[in-house]
Amino acid sequence: MSQRCEICGKRPMTGHNVSHSKVHTRRRFLPNLQQAHITVKGRVVKARVCTRCLRTQAKAAR
């Protein structure tokens, strides 16, 4: 299954691990995806959503 937020489309990013000796090795930064029930066009849908979108949606509901 793809590591992609279904609302904002956030995907894994790439970068480097940097050790104490400054050796750079490749790594991936994965988005923090959670299974959540969200409201889309008045219907409740189960989706894989990043935590940033969950927070934004919770703030909009207030």
C-alpha atoms as a PDB file:
ATOM      1  CA  MET A   1       0.000   0.000   0.000  1.00  0.00           C
ATOM      2  CA  SER A   2       1.308   3.429  -0.869  1.00  0.00           C
ATOM      3  CA  GLN A   3       2.514   5.774   1.865  1.00  0.00           C
ATOM      4  CA  ARG A   4       0.360   8.688   0.755  1.00  0.00           C
ATOM      5  CA  CYS A   5      -2.111  10.942   2.554  1.00  0.00           C
ATOM      6  CA  GLU A   6      -5.512  10.785   0.850  1.00  0.00           C
ATOM      7  CA  ILE A   7      -6.283  14.448   1.606  1.00  0.00           C
ATOM      8  CA  CYS A   8      -3.100  16.450   0.979  1.00  0.00           C
ATOM      9  CA  GLY A   9      -1.082  13.869  -0.998  1.00  0.00           C
ATOM     10  CA  LYS A  10       1.915  14.004   1.352  1.00  0.00           C
ATOM     11  CA  ARG A  11       4.449  11.296   0.354  1.00  0.00           C
ATOM     12  CA  PRO A  12       7.776   9.971   1.668  1.00  0.00           C
ATOM     13  CA  MET A  13      10.721  12.355   1.341  1.00  0.00           C
ATOM     14  CA  THR A  14      14.376  11.405   1.053  1.00  0.00           C
ATOM     15  CA  GLY A  15      17.441  12.664   2.853  1.00  0.00           C
ATOM     16  CA  HIS A  16      20.529  11.483   4.702  1.00  0.00           C
ATOM     17  CA  ASN A  17      21.426   9.988   8.048  1.00  0.00           C
ATOM     18  CA  VAL A  18      24.516  11.873   9.212  1.00  0.00           C
ATOM     19  CA  SER A  19      26.746  10.064  11.668  1.00  0.00           C
ATOM     20  CA  HIS A  20      29.183  11.589  14.135  1.00  0.00           C
ATOM     21  CA  SER A  21      31.951  11.085  11.552  1.00  0.00           C
ATOM     22  CA  LYS A  22      29.793  12.962   8.987  1.00  0.00           C
ATOM     23  CA  VAL A  23      29.220   9.879   6.812  1.00  0.00           C
ATOM     24  CA  HIS A  24      26.001  10.431   4.813  1.00  0.00           C
ATOM     25  CA  THR A  25      23.768   7.425   4.152  1.00  0.00           C
ATOM     26  CA  ARG A  26      20.420   7.608   2.369  1.00  0.00           C
ATOM     27  CA  ARG A  27      17.167   7.406   4.340  1.00  0.00           C
ATOM     28  CA  ARG A  28      13.452   8.029   3.931  1.00  0.00           C
ATOM     29  CA  PHE A  29      11.245  10.334   5.965  1.00  0.00           C
ATOM     30  CA  LEU A  30       7.798   8.701   6.056  1.00  0.00           C
ATOM     31  CA  PRO A  31       4.617  10.681   6.714  1.00  0.00           C
ATOM     32  CA  ASN A  32       2.764   9.853   9.944  1.00  0.00           C
ATOM     33  CA  LEU A  33      -0.299   8.177   8.419  1.00  0.00           C
ATOM     34  CA  GLN A  34      -3.251   6.975  10.494  1.00  0.00           C
ATOM     35  CA  GLN A  35      -6.477   5.162   9.625  1.00  0.00           C
ATOM     36  CA  ALA A  36      -9.287   7.602  10.397  1.00  0.00           C
ATOM     37  CA  HIS A  37     -12.977   8.147   9.779  1.00  0.00           C
ATOM     38  CA  ILE A  38     -13.311  11.494   8.018  1.00  0.00           C
ATOM     39  CA  THR A  39     -16.281  13.367   6.568  1.00  0.00           C
ATOM     40  CA  VAL A  40     -16.164  13.889   2.806  1.00  0.00           C
ATOM     41  CA  LYS A  41     -19.163  15.589   1.153  1.00  0.00           C
ATOM     42  CA  GLY A  42     -21.410  14.720   4.096  1.00  0.00           C
ATOM     43  CA  ARG A  43     -20.433  11.027   4.195  1.00  0.00           C
ATOM     44  CA  VAL A  44     -18.156   9.314   6.708  1.00  0.00           C
ATOM     45  CA  VAL A  45     -15.285   7.548   4.937  1.00  0.00           C
ATOM     46  CA  LYS A  46     -12.387   5.476   6.280  1.00  0.00           C
ATOM     47  CA  ALA A  47      -9.093   6.833   4.927  1.00  0.00           C
ATOM     48  CA  ARG A  48      -5.323   6.899   5.486  1.00  0.00           C
ATOM     49  CA  VAL A  49      -4.645  10.468   6.557  1.00  0.00           C
ATOM     50  CA  CYS A  50      -1.557  12.253   7.881  1.00  0.00           C
ATOM     51  CA  THR A  51      -1.780  13.642  11.403  1.00  0.00           C
ATOM     52  CA  ARG A  52      -1.468  17.210  10.128  1.00  0.00           C
ATOM     53  CA  CYS A  53      -4.707  16.788   8.130  1.00  0.00           C
ATOM     54  CA  LEU A  54      -6.413  15.173  11.153  1.00  0.00           C
ATOM     55  CA  ARG A  55      -5.524  18.209  13.269  1.00  0.00           C
ATOM     56  CA  THR A  56      -6.684  20.636  10.587  1.00  0.00           C
ATOM     57  CA  GLN A  57      -9.992  18.834  10.233  1.00  0.00           C
ATOM     58  CA  ALA A  58     -10.506  18.781  14.012  1.00  0.00           C
ATOM     59  CA  LYS A  59      -9.839  22.528  14.177  1.00  0.00           C
ATOM     60  CA  ALA A  60     -12.313  23.195  11.351  1.00  0.00           C
ATOM     61  CA  ALA A  61     -15.005  21.204  13.215  1.00  0.00           C
ATOM     62  CA  ARG A  62     -14.745  23.508  16.274  1.00  0.00           C
END
